[in-house]
Amino acid sequence: MTKMKRKVDNRAYMNYLLQSLNVPDLKEICREYKIRGYSRLKKAELIEFIIDSLAEEEIEELLKQKELKIIGDAIDVAIKKINGEERETVESIKIVNEKNHEIEISFKGFNWENTVFLAINQNNIDNPLRDCDCRIGANMGFCSHFWVGFIFSLKQGYFELSDWTLTKLPKDFEQEIKSIKIATPATAGEKKSDLTLVDKDSPNYKLLQHDRVTIYEGEISKIVEKESDFQGNITTYYLVTVKDAKIGPQVKKTSDKKEEDLFSIDKILLRLSSNAYDNTNIDDGDKITCNGGVNQDRFLGVMLKRVTKFKKL
């Protein structure tokens, strides 16, 4: 089956794509195509200047060079956001208008928030209605927030991938998102109508199914001393990276432990109190065991806090 051709013209599409590049990248394009008079231009002016300066054949060539890289990088970041591996994560997804497939997705970072609006339906699939708080998405660019919405809309059955003509997609796109599912957040206080996306093959997904877990065995690969200042009270704590961790849900009795509930994680971060650190005298390479509360930290990602029964093996 022959793929349908994109209906948005090359110049408009190039404008969408170039929103993802920074000023040095845009100036590099100017140098590559021997475009002069760009040195004092700001980003929006640079994009317009590049598009106006290039012939149609040059725009087609530039699309071949840049399109898949720009799209692929943004999709990679989107998947990391879904998996809790980015500084910014998916907070909730709301279906604003089911008939028109309108969705609104909230993202949270360490001290910022982003919201993206997206509607992909039969009437606009050639160039969907979209908007985002971020600088890329605010100018109709294909930001990572857009791609989270794209993945959700696809999983929700709002369109078929075979009908998508606006952008190219990486060859392994379907495989990359195969394990991503729609779910209701388990976080306390969330509205039941809110939705989110989870990757059921992700180790973080398995962690987030439990309030508390036990690391039965893991090896320390890094220890970083930190300080926090709350109302003048200085607290010392340690961020401990544990690799090759064998993990299971925390149980009340050893006899309740089930092998089928155990899973492995390549790397996990623990927040360890100064008392626990001083009492164990740990170092890189030590094997440890402990219990900990699973936490989605807005800055550090999925980690264990409120660590108890920490000891060397």
C-alpha atoms as a PDB file:
ATOM      1  CA  MET A   1       0.000   0.000   0.000  1.00  0.00           C
ATOM      2  CA  THR A   2       1.415   3.401  -1.042  1.00  0.00           C
ATOM      3  CA  LYS A   3       1.649   5.938   1.777  1.00  0.00           C
ATOM      4  CA  MET A   4      -0.406   9.079   1.162  1.00  0.00           C
ATOM      5  CA  LYS A   5       1.497  12.297   0.567  1.00  0.00           C
ATOM      6  CA  ARG A   6       1.702  15.060   3.152  1.00  0.00           C
ATOM      7  CA  LYS A   7      -0.855  17.785   2.350  1.00  0.00           C
ATOM      8  CA  VAL A   8       0.896  20.631   4.194  1.00  0.00           C
ATOM      9  CA  ASP A   9       3.286  22.421   1.823  1.00  0.00           C
ATOM     10  CA  ASN A  10       7.040  22.171   2.354  1.00  0.00           C
ATOM     11  CA  ARG A  11       7.532  25.735   3.567  1.00  0.00           C
ATOM     12  CA  ALA A  12       4.841  25.541   6.250  1.00  0.00           C
ATOM     13  CA  TYR A  13       6.109  22.118   7.313  1.00  0.00           C
ATOM     14  CA  MET A  14       9.696  23.357   7.478  1.00  0.00           C
ATOM     15  CA  ASN A  15       8.524  26.135   9.789  1.00  0.00           C
ATOM     16  CA  TYR A  16       7.049  23.522  12.148  1.00  0.00           C
ATOM     17  CA  LEU A  17      10.226  21.425  12.117  1.00  0.00           C
ATOM     18  CA  LEU A  18      12.722  24.240  12.615  1.00  0.00           C
ATOM     19  CA  GLN A  19      11.020  25.278  15.863  1.00  0.00           C
ATOM     20  CA  SER A  20      12.867  22.326  17.464  1.00  0.00           C
ATOM     21  CA  LEU A  21      16.315  23.709  16.624  1.00  0.00           C
ATOM     22  CA  ASN A  22      18.225  26.273  18.669  1.00  0.00           C
ATOM     23  CA  VAL A  23      19.813  29.447  17.306  1.00  0.00           C
ATOM     24  CA  PRO A  24      23.317  27.947  16.754  1.00  0.00           C
ATOM     25  CA  ASP A  25      21.760  25.064  14.774  1.00  0.00           C
ATOM     26  CA  LEU A  26      19.777  27.503  12.642  1.00  0.00           C
ATOM     27  CA  LYS A  27      22.872  29.615  11.970  1.00  0.00           C
ATOM     28  CA  GLU A  28      24.714  26.457  10.924  1.00  0.00           C
ATOM     29  CA  ILE A  29      22.010  25.898   8.283  1.00  0.00           C
ATOM     30  CA  CYS A  30      22.606  29.456   7.064  1.00  0.00           C
ATOM     31  CA  ARG A  31      26.327  28.779   6.714  1.00  0.00           C
ATOM     32  CA  GLU A  32      25.731  25.430   5.013  1.00  0.00           C
ATOM     33  CA  TYR A  33      23.472  27.012   2.390  1.00  0.00           C
ATOM     34  CA  LYS A  34      25.592  30.189   2.132  1.00  0.00           C
ATOM     35  CA  ILE A  35      22.789  32.443   3.360  1.00  0.00           C
ATOM     36  CA  ARG A  36      24.060  35.907   4.353  1.00  0.00           C
ATOM     37  CA  GLY A  37      22.726  38.593   6.688  1.00  0.00           C
ATOM     38  CA  TYR A  38      21.517  36.379   9.527  1.00  0.00           C
ATOM     39  CA  SER A  39      23.940  37.202  12.360  1.00  0.00           C
ATOM     40  CA  ARG A  40      21.692  39.563  14.356  1.00  0.00           C
ATOM     41  CA  LEU A  41      18.425  37.719  13.856  1.00  0.00           C
ATOM     42  CA  LYS A  42      16.524  36.089  16.712  1.00  0.00           C
ATOM     43  CA  LYS A  43      15.121  32.569  16.460  1.00  0.00           C
ATOM     44  CA  ALA A  44      11.703  33.375  14.964  1.00  0.00           C
ATOM     45  CA  GLU A  45      13.305  35.767  12.473  1.00  0.00           C
ATOM     46  CA  LEU A  46      16.004  33.218  11.610  1.00  0.00           C
ATOM     47  CA  ILE A  47      13.448  30.530  10.792  1.00  0.00           C
ATOM     48  CA  GLU A  48      11.490  32.874   8.541  1.00  0.00           C
ATOM     49  CA  PHE A  49      14.707  34.129   6.917  1.00  0.00           C
ATOM     50  CA  ILE A  50      15.948  30.603   6.160  1.00  0.00           C
ATOM     51  CA  ILE A  51      12.650  29.536   4.598  1.00  0.00           C
ATOM     52  CA  ASP A  52      12.446  32.713   2.496  1.00  0.00           C
ATOM     53  CA  SER A  53      16.068  32.337   1.347  1.00  0.00           C
ATOM     54  CA  LEU A  54      15.942  28.713   0.182  1.00  0.00           C
ATOM     55  CA  ALA A  55      14.732  27.456  -3.171  1.00  0.00           C
ATOM     56  CA  GLU A  56      12.120  24.682  -3.201  1.00  0.00           C
ATOM     57  CA  GLU A  57      14.771  22.088  -4.090  1.00  0.00           C
ATOM     58  CA  GLU A  58      16.926  23.222  -1.162  1.00  0.00           C
ATOM     59  CA  ILE A  59      13.983  22.974   1.229  1.00  0.00           C
ATOM     60  CA  GLU A  60      13.337  19.412   0.046  1.00  0.00           C
ATOM     61  CA  GLU A  61      17.014  18.600   0.598  1.00  0.00           C
ATOM     62  CA  LEU A  62      16.963  20.150   4.086  1.00  0.00           C
ATOM     63  CA  LEU A  63      13.857  18.148   4.970  1.00  0.00           C
ATOM     64  CA  LYS A  64      15.621  14.929   3.990  1.00  0.00           C
ATOM     65  CA  GLN A  65      18.571  15.896   6.209  1.00  0.00           C
ATOM     66  CA  LYS A  66      16.702  17.078   9.305  1.00  0.00           C
ATOM     67  CA  GLU A  67      13.182  15.630   9.478  1.00  0.00           C
ATOM     68  CA  LEU A  68      13.708  12.151  10.908  1.00  0.00           C
ATOM     69  CA  LYS A  69      16.404  13.322  13.347  1.00  0.00           C
ATOM     70  CA  ILE A  70      14.189  16.102  14.745  1.00  0.00           C
ATOM     71  CA  ILE A  71      11.117  13.864  14.958  1.00  0.00           C
ATOM     72  CA  GLY A  72      13.028  10.886  16.380  1.00  0.00           C
ATOM     73  CA  ASP A  73      14.750  12.923  19.091  1.00  0.00           C
ATOM     74  CA  ALA A  74      11.441  14.442  20.245  1.00  0.00           C
ATOM     75  CA  ILE A  75       9.742  11.026  20.332  1.00  0.00           C
ATOM     76  CA  ASP A  76      12.625   9.618  22.409  1.00  0.00           C
ATOM     77  CA  VAL A  77      12.152  12.418  24.957  1.00  0.00           C
ATOM     78  CA  ALA A  78       8.375  11.837  24.961  1.00  0.00           C
ATOM     79  CA  ILE A  79       8.852   8.155  25.825  1.00  0.00           C
ATOM     80  CA  LYS A  80      11.283   9.110  28.597  1.00  0.00           C
ATOM     81  CA  LYS A  81       8.661  11.482  30.020  1.00  0.00           C
ATOM     82  CA  ILE A  82       6.113   8.656  30.002  1.00  0.00           C
ATOM     83  CA  ASN A  83       8.610   6.378  31.786  1.00  0.00           C
ATOM     84  CA  GLY A  84       9.516   8.956  34.441  1.00  0.00           C
ATOM     85  CA  GLU A  85      13.079   9.180  33.139  1.00  0.00           C
ATOM     86  CA  GLU A  86      12.992  12.918  32.367  1.00  0.00           C
ATOM     87  CA  ARG A  87      13.132  15.991  34.602  1.00  0.00           C
ATOM     88  CA  GLU A  88       9.561  16.602  33.436  1.00  0.00           C
ATOM     89  CA  THR A  89       6.903  13.870  33.696  1.00  0.00           C
ATOM     90  CA  VAL A  90       3.277  13.313  32.690  1.00  0.00           C
ATOM     91  CA  GLU A  91       1.027  14.489  35.536  1.00  0.00           C
ATOM     92  CA  SER A  92      -2.381  13.712  34.016  1.00  0.00           C
ATOM     93  CA  ILE A  93      -4.301  13.428  30.758  1.00  0.00           C
ATOM     94  CA  LYS A  94      -7.860  14.712  30.414  1.00  0.00           C
ATOM     95  CA  ILE A  95     -10.252  14.040  27.548  1.00  0.00           C
ATOM     96  CA  VAL A  96     -11.834  17.469  27.098  1.00  0.00           C
ATOM     97  CA  ASN A  97     -14.134  16.586  24.186  1.00  0.00           C
ATOM     98  CA  GLU A  98     -14.520  12.910  23.273  1.00  0.00           C
ATOM     99  CA  LYS A  99     -16.412  13.634  20.035  1.00  0.00           C
ATOM    100  CA  ASN A 100     -13.648  15.836  18.634  1.00  0.00           C
ATOM    101  CA  HIS A 101     -10.831  13.841  20.301  1.00  0.00           C
ATOM    102  CA  GLU A 102      -9.678  16.902  22.229  1.00  0.00           C
ATOM    103  CA  ILE A 103      -7.204  16.118  25.003  1.00  0.00           C
ATOM    104  CA  GLU A 104      -5.261  18.188  27.519  1.00  0.00           C
ATOM    105  CA  ILE A 105      -2.070  16.867  29.086  1.00  0.00           C
ATOM    106  CA  SER A 106      -0.397  18.321  32.174  1.00  0.00           C
ATOM    107  CA  PHE A 107       3.347  17.937  32.722  1.00  0.00           C
ATOM    108  CA  LYS A 108       5.291  18.755  35.880  1.00  0.00           C
ATOM    109  CA  GLY A 109       8.942  19.527  36.361  1.00  0.00           C
ATOM    110  CA  PHE A 110      10.959  20.484  39.419  1.00  0.00           C
ATOM    111  CA  ASN A 111       9.489  23.978  39.652  1.00  0.00           C
ATOM    112  CA  TRP A 112       7.518  24.416  36.431  1.00  0.00           C
ATOM    113  CA  GLU A 113       4.466  23.097  34.636  1.00  0.00           C
ATOM    114  CA  ASN A 114       3.508  22.651  30.983  1.00  0.00           C
ATOM    115  CA  THR A 115       0.174  21.956  29.331  1.00  0.00           C
ATOM    116  CA  VAL A 116      -0.412  20.704  25.802  1.00  0.00           C
ATOM    117  CA  PHE A 117      -3.716  20.659  23.918  1.00  0.00           C
ATOM    118  CA  LEU A 118      -4.194  18.299  20.986  1.00  0.00           C
ATOM    119  CA  ALA A 119      -7.096  17.154  18.824  1.00  0.00           C
ATOM    120  CA  ILE A 120      -6.503  14.554  16.097  1.00  0.00           C
ATOM    121  CA  ASN A 121      -9.668  13.613  14.242  1.00  0.00           C
ATOM    122  CA  GLN A 122     -10.852  12.700  10.755  1.00  0.00           C
ATOM    123  CA  ASN A 123     -11.368  16.339   9.804  1.00  0.00           C
ATOM    124  CA  ASN A 124      -7.915  17.642  10.774  1.00  0.00           C
ATOM    125  CA  ILE A 125      -5.521  14.675  10.695  1.00  0.00           C
ATOM    126  CA  ASP A 126      -3.607  16.332   7.834  1.00  0.00           C
ATOM    127  CA  ASN A 127      -2.553  19.093  10.273  1.00  0.00           C
ATOM    128  CA  PRO A 128      -4.070  18.596  13.746  1.00  0.00           C
ATOM    129  CA  LEU A 129      -5.194  21.370  16.049  1.00  0.00           C
ATOM    130  CA  ARG A 130      -2.488  21.709  18.698  1.00  0.00           C
ATOM    131  CA  ASP A 131      -1.032  24.132  21.204  1.00  0.00           C
ATOM    132  CA  CYS A 132       1.536  23.940  23.986  1.00  0.00           C
ATOM    133  CA  ASP A 133       2.996  26.176  26.670  1.00  0.00           C
ATOM    134  CA  CYS A 134       6.560  25.367  25.599  1.00  0.00           C
ATOM    135  CA  ARG A 135       8.436  27.499  23.066  1.00  0.00           C
ATOM    136  CA  ILE A 136       8.473  24.789  20.404  1.00  0.00           C
ATOM    137  CA  GLY A 137       4.817  23.824  20.681  1.00  0.00           C
ATOM    138  CA  ALA A 138       3.585  27.403  21.011  1.00  0.00           C
ATOM    139  CA  ASN A 139       4.736  27.907  17.413  1.00  0.00           C
ATOM    140  CA  MET A 140       3.111  24.707  16.072  1.00  0.00           C
ATOM    141  CA  GLY A 141       6.365  22.774  16.378  1.00  0.00           C
ATOM    142  CA  PHE A 142       6.555  19.070  17.165  1.00  0.00           C
ATOM    143  CA  CYS A 143       7.663  19.192  20.801  1.00  0.00           C
ATOM    144  CA  SER A 144       7.980  16.131  23.019  1.00  0.00           C
ATOM    145  CA  HIS A 145       4.699  17.149  24.712  1.00  0.00           C
ATOM    146  CA  PHE A 146       2.962  16.897  21.328  1.00  0.00           C
ATOM    147  CA  TRP A 147       4.314  13.381  20.846  1.00  0.00           C
ATOM    148  CA  VAL A 148       3.022  12.274  24.252  1.00  0.00           C
ATOM    149  CA  GLY A 149      -0.397  13.475  23.095  1.00  0.00           C
ATOM    150  CA  PHE A 150       0.092  11.765  19.737  1.00  0.00           C
ATOM    151  CA  ILE A 151       0.887   8.437  21.441  1.00  0.00           C
ATOM    152  CA  PHE A 152      -2.115   8.770  23.762  1.00  0.00           C
ATOM    153  CA  SER A 153      -4.468   9.627  20.877  1.00  0.00           C
ATOM    154  CA  LEU A 154      -3.188   6.637  18.900  1.00  0.00           C
ATOM    155  CA  LYS A 155      -3.618   4.296  21.886  1.00  0.00           C
ATOM    156  CA  GLN A 156      -7.095   5.731  22.475  1.00  0.00           C
ATOM    157  CA  GLY A 157      -8.054   4.755  18.909  1.00  0.00           C
ATOM    158  CA  TYR A 158      -8.606   8.318  17.711  1.00  0.00           C
ATOM    159  CA  PHE A 159      -6.828   7.598  14.407  1.00  0.00           C
ATOM    160  CA  GLU A 160      -4.970   4.898  12.500  1.00  0.00           C
ATOM    161  CA  LEU A 161      -1.230   5.221  11.985  1.00  0.00           C
ATOM    162  CA  SER A 162      -1.745   4.442   8.284  1.00  0.00           C
ATOM    163  CA  ASP A 163      -3.756   7.692   7.973  1.00  0.00           C
ATOM    164  CA  TRP A 164      -0.952   9.858   9.414  1.00  0.00           C
ATOM    165  CA  THR A 165       0.746  11.873   6.660  1.00  0.00           C
ATOM    166  CA  LEU A 166       1.953  15.067   8.353  1.00  0.00           C
ATOM    167  CA  THR A 167       5.350  13.757   9.485  1.00  0.00           C
ATOM    168  CA  LYS A 168       7.602  10.831   8.879  1.00  0.00           C
ATOM    169  CA  LEU A 169       8.013   8.459  11.814  1.00  0.00           C
ATOM    170  CA  PRO A 170      11.012   6.332  12.848  1.00  0.00           C
ATOM    171  CA  LYS A 171      10.921   2.806  11.402  1.00  0.00           C
ATOM    172  CA  ASP A 172      10.745   1.251  14.868  1.00  0.00           C
ATOM    173  CA  PHE A 173       8.075   3.648  16.187  1.00  0.00           C
ATOM    174  CA  GLU A 174       5.318   1.042  16.566  1.00  0.00           C
ATOM    175  CA  GLN A 175       7.672  -1.335  18.380  1.00  0.00           C
ATOM    176  CA  GLU A 176       8.924   1.461  20.658  1.00  0.00           C
ATOM    177  CA  ILE A 177       5.417   2.289  21.885  1.00  0.00           C
ATOM    178  CA  LYS A 178       3.981  -1.250  21.824  1.00  0.00           C
ATOM    179  CA  SER A 179       4.156  -1.712  25.605  1.00  0.00           C
ATOM    180  CA  ILE A 180       2.782   1.752  26.441  1.00  0.00           C
ATOM    181  CA  LYS A 181      -0.755   1.575  27.831  1.00  0.00           C
ATOM    182  CA  ILE A 182      -3.405   4.007  29.078  1.00  0.00           C
ATOM    183  CA  ALA A 183      -3.948   3.857  32.845  1.00  0.00           C
ATOM    184  CA  THR A 184      -5.614   5.686  35.732  1.00  0.00           C
ATOM    185  CA  PRO A 185      -3.001   7.256  38.049  1.00  0.00           C
ATOM    186  CA  ALA A 186      -2.666   5.633  41.454  1.00  0.00           C
ATOM    187  CA  THR A 187      -1.392   8.853  43.030  1.00  0.00           C
ATOM    188  CA  ALA A 188      -3.548   9.975  45.948  1.00  0.00           C
ATOM    189  CA  GLY A 189      -5.654  13.037  45.285  1.00  0.00           C
ATOM    190  CA  GLU A 190      -5.868  12.611  41.504  1.00  0.00           C
ATOM    191  CA  LYS A 191      -9.331  12.796  39.968  1.00  0.00           C
ATOM    192  CA  LYS A 192     -10.683   9.458  38.790  1.00  0.00           C
ATOM    193  CA  SER A 193     -11.434  10.954  35.369  1.00  0.00           C
ATOM    194  CA  ASP A 194      -7.752  11.747  34.828  1.00  0.00           C
ATOM    195  CA  LEU A 195      -5.680   9.331  32.770  1.00  0.00           C
ATOM    196  CA  THR A 196      -1.997   8.787  32.140  1.00  0.00           C
ATOM    197  CA  LEU A 197       0.337   6.658  30.028  1.00  0.00           C
ATOM    198  CA  VAL A 198       2.534   3.875  31.344  1.00  0.00           C
ATOM    199  CA  ASP A 199       5.098   1.610  29.705  1.00  0.00           C
ATOM    200  CA  LYS A 200       4.380  -1.840  31.103  1.00  0.00           C
ATOM    201  CA  ASP A 201       7.817  -3.082  30.011  1.00  0.00           C
ATOM    202  CA  SER A 202       9.575  -0.296  31.902  1.00  0.00           C
ATOM    203  CA  PRO A 203      11.229  -1.173  35.257  1.00  0.00           C
ATOM    204  CA  ASN A 204       9.823   2.098  36.588  1.00  0.00           C
ATOM    205  CA  TYR A 205       6.298   0.868  35.824  1.00  0.00           C
ATOM    206  CA  LYS A 206       6.884  -2.231  37.945  1.00  0.00           C
ATOM    207  CA  LEU A 207       8.253  -0.083  40.764  1.00  0.00           C
ATOM    208  CA  LEU A 208       5.306   2.306  40.666  1.00  0.00           C
ATOM    209  CA  GLN A 209       2.852  -0.535  41.241  1.00  0.00           C
ATOM    210  CA  HIS A 210       3.984  -0.640  44.881  1.00  0.00           C
ATOM    211  CA  ASP A 211       4.041   1.882  47.727  1.00  0.00           C
ATOM    212  CA  ARG A 212       7.067   0.224  49.306  1.00  0.00           C
ATOM    213  CA  VAL A 213       9.573  -2.316  48.014  1.00  0.00           C
ATOM    214  CA  THR A 214      12.491  -4.369  49.251  1.00  0.00           C
ATOM    215  CA  ILE A 215      15.875  -4.427  47.543  1.00  0.00           C
ATOM    216  CA  TYR A 216      16.959  -7.974  48.331  1.00  0.00           C
ATOM    217  CA  GLU A 217      20.366  -7.416  46.786  1.00  0.00           C
ATOM    218  CA  GLY A 218      22.081  -4.627  44.885  1.00  0.00           C
ATOM    219  CA  GLU A 219      25.549  -3.154  44.416  1.00  0.00           C
ATOM    220  CA  ILE A 220      26.416   0.446  45.267  1.00  0.00           C
ATOM    221  CA  SER A 221      27.913   2.238  42.271  1.00  0.00           C
ATOM    222  CA  LYS A 222      27.855   5.864  43.465  1.00  0.00           C
ATOM    223  CA  ILE A 223      27.389   7.859  46.695  1.00  0.00           C
ATOM    224  CA  VAL A 224      26.825  11.638  46.701  1.00  0.00           C
ATOM    225  CA  GLU A 225      26.578  13.698  49.899  1.00  0.00           C
ATOM    226  CA  LYS A 226      23.850  16.374  49.829  1.00  0.00           C
ATOM    227  CA  GLU A 227      22.470  19.079  52.112  1.00  0.00           C
ATOM    228  CA  SER A 228      18.968  20.539  52.325  1.00  0.00           C
ATOM    229  CA  ASP A 229      18.068  23.809  54.028  1.00  0.00           C
ATOM    230  CA  PHE A 230      14.529  24.083  55.385  1.00  0.00           C
ATOM    231  CA  GLN A 231      13.835  27.242  57.387  1.00  0.00           C
ATOM    232  CA  GLY A 232      17.458  27.429  58.462  1.00  0.00           C
ATOM    233  CA  ASN A 233      17.719  23.779  59.482  1.00  0.00           C
ATOM    234  CA  ILE A 234      20.508  22.033  57.579  1.00  0.00           C
ATOM    235  CA  THR A 235      19.995  18.323  56.938  1.00  0.00           C
ATOM    236  CA  THR A 236      22.676  16.068  55.492  1.00  0.00           C
ATOM    237  CA  TYR A 237      21.596  13.092  53.412  1.00  0.00           C
ATOM    238  CA  TYR A 238      23.073  10.821  50.746  1.00  0.00           C
ATOM    239  CA  LEU A 239      21.957   9.921  47.235  1.00  0.00           C
ATOM    240  CA  VAL A 240      23.032   6.324  46.724  1.00  0.00           C
ATOM    241  CA  THR A 241      22.941   4.743  43.263  1.00  0.00           C
ATOM    242  CA  VAL A 242      22.423   0.976  43.360  1.00  0.00           C
ATOM    243  CA  LYS A 243      22.964  -1.167  40.268  1.00  0.00           C
ATOM    244  CA  ASP A 244      21.754  -4.683  39.392  1.00  0.00           C
ATOM    245  CA  ALA A 245      19.060  -4.500  42.058  1.00  0.00           C
ATOM    246  CA  LYS A 246      16.816  -7.500  42.748  1.00  0.00           C
ATOM    247  CA  ILE A 247      13.530  -6.025  43.964  1.00  0.00           C
ATOM    248  CA  GLY A 248      10.124  -7.148  45.192  1.00  0.00           C
ATOM    249  CA  PRO A 249       7.142  -5.692  47.034  1.00  0.00           C
ATOM    250  CA  GLN A 250       7.815  -5.210  50.741  1.00  0.00           C
ATOM    251  CA  VAL A 251       6.144  -7.994  52.740  1.00  0.00           C
ATOM    252  CA  LYS A 252       5.354  -8.317  56.440  1.00  0.00           C
ATOM    253  CA  LYS A 253       6.831 -11.798  56.796  1.00  0.00           C
ATOM    254  CA  THR A 254       9.685 -13.493  54.947  1.00  0.00           C
ATOM    255  CA  SER A 255       7.360 -16.403  54.222  1.00  0.00           C
ATOM    256  CA  ASP A 256       5.135 -14.034  52.192  1.00  0.00           C
ATOM    257  CA  LYS A 257       7.924 -13.433  49.656  1.00  0.00           C
ATOM    258  CA  LYS A 258       7.066 -14.846  46.215  1.00  0.00           C
ATOM    259  CA  GLU A 259       9.701 -15.397  43.524  1.00  0.00           C
ATOM    260  CA  GLU A 260       7.205 -14.537  40.773  1.00  0.00           C
ATOM    261  CA  ASP A 261       6.817 -11.025  42.238  1.00  0.00           C
ATOM    262  CA  LEU A 262      10.546 -10.243  42.010  1.00  0.00           C
ATOM    263  CA  PHE A 263      12.086  -8.174  39.221  1.00  0.00           C
ATOM    264  CA  SER A 264      15.463  -6.640  38.399  1.00  0.00           C
ATOM    265  CA  ILE A 265      16.419  -3.028  37.746  1.00  0.00           C
ATOM    266  CA  ASP A 266      19.708  -1.963  36.187  1.00  0.00           C
ATOM    267  CA  LYS A 267      19.950   1.185  38.320  1.00  0.00           C
ATOM    268  CA  ILE A 268      17.925   2.760  41.124  1.00  0.00           C
ATOM    269  CA  LEU A 269      18.487   5.820  43.315  1.00  0.00           C
ATOM    270  CA  LEU A 270      18.012   5.842  47.107  1.00  0.00           C
ATOM    271  CA  ARG A 271      17.795   8.801  49.468  1.00  0.00           C
ATOM    272  CA  LEU A 272      19.642   7.682  52.609  1.00  0.00           C
ATOM    273  CA  SER A 273      19.671   9.496  55.954  1.00  0.00           C
ATOM    274  CA  SER A 274      22.974  10.497  57.540  1.00  0.00           C
ATOM    275  CA  ASN A 275      22.252   8.120  60.453  1.00  0.00           C
ATOM    276  CA  ALA A 276      21.815   5.127  58.154  1.00  0.00           C
ATOM    277  CA  TYR A 277      24.961   6.120  56.271  1.00  0.00           C
ATOM    278  CA  ASP A 278      27.047   6.491  59.448  1.00  0.00           C
ATOM    279  CA  ASN A 279      25.773   3.214  60.896  1.00  0.00           C
ATOM    280  CA  THR A 280      26.698   1.120  57.853  1.00  0.00           C
ATOM    281  CA  ASN A 281      29.953   2.749  56.654  1.00  0.00           C
ATOM    282  CA  ILE A 282      29.174   1.919  53.018  1.00  0.00           C
ATOM    283  CA  ASP A 283      31.406   2.394  49.988  1.00  0.00           C
ATOM    284  CA  ASP A 284      31.255   1.862  46.225  1.00  0.00           C
ATOM    285  CA  GLY A 285      31.065  -1.835  45.385  1.00  0.00           C
ATOM    286  CA  ASP A 286      29.316  -2.870  48.602  1.00  0.00           C
ATOM    287  CA  LYS A 287      26.305  -5.178  48.301  1.00  0.00           C
ATOM    288  CA  ILE A 288      23.286  -3.947  50.258  1.00  0.00           C
ATOM    289  CA  THR A 289      19.676  -4.706  51.150  1.00  0.00           C
ATOM    290  CA  CYS A 290      16.931  -2.344  52.354  1.00  0.00           C
ATOM    291  CA  ASN A 291      13.273  -1.341  52.248  1.00  0.00           C
ATOM    292  CA  GLY A 292      12.101   1.930  50.722  1.00  0.00           C
ATOM    293  CA  GLY A 293       9.085   3.974  49.690  1.00  0.00           C
ATOM    294  CA  VAL A 294       8.615   4.409  45.935  1.00  0.00           C
ATOM    295  CA  ASN A 295       8.569   8.089  45.014  1.00  0.00           C
ATOM    296  CA  GLN A 296       8.196   9.963  41.713  1.00  0.00           C
ATOM    297  CA  ASP A 297      10.574  12.844  42.400  1.00  0.00           C
ATOM    298  CA  ARG A 298       9.989  15.793  40.065  1.00  0.00           C
ATOM    299  CA  PHE A 299      13.706  16.411  39.694  1.00  0.00           C
ATOM    300  CA  LEU A 300      15.374  13.011  40.142  1.00  0.00           C
ATOM    301  CA  GLY A 301      12.694  10.731  38.692  1.00  0.00           C
ATOM    302  CA  VAL A 302      11.524   7.447  40.230  1.00  0.00           C
ATOM    303  CA  MET A 303      13.542   6.656  43.368  1.00  0.00           C
ATOM    304  CA  LEU A 304      13.303   5.197  46.883  1.00  0.00           C
ATOM    305  CA  LYS A 305      12.839   7.464  49.907  1.00  0.00           C
ATOM    306  CA  ARG A 306      12.016   6.723  53.566  1.00  0.00           C
ATOM    307  CA  VAL A 307      14.627   3.952  53.455  1.00  0.00           C
ATOM    308  CA  THR A 308      14.624   1.483  56.373  1.00  0.00           C
ATOM    309  CA  LYS A 309      16.511  -1.691  57.365  1.00  0.00           C
ATOM    310  CA  PHE A 310      19.483  -0.569  55.278  1.00  0.00           C
ATOM    311  CA  LYS A 311      22.458  -2.877  55.726  1.00  0.00           C
ATOM    312  CA  LYS A 312      25.431  -4.398  53.951  1.00  0.00           C
ATOM    313  CA  LEU A 313      25.341  -8.010  52.821  1.00  0.00           C
END
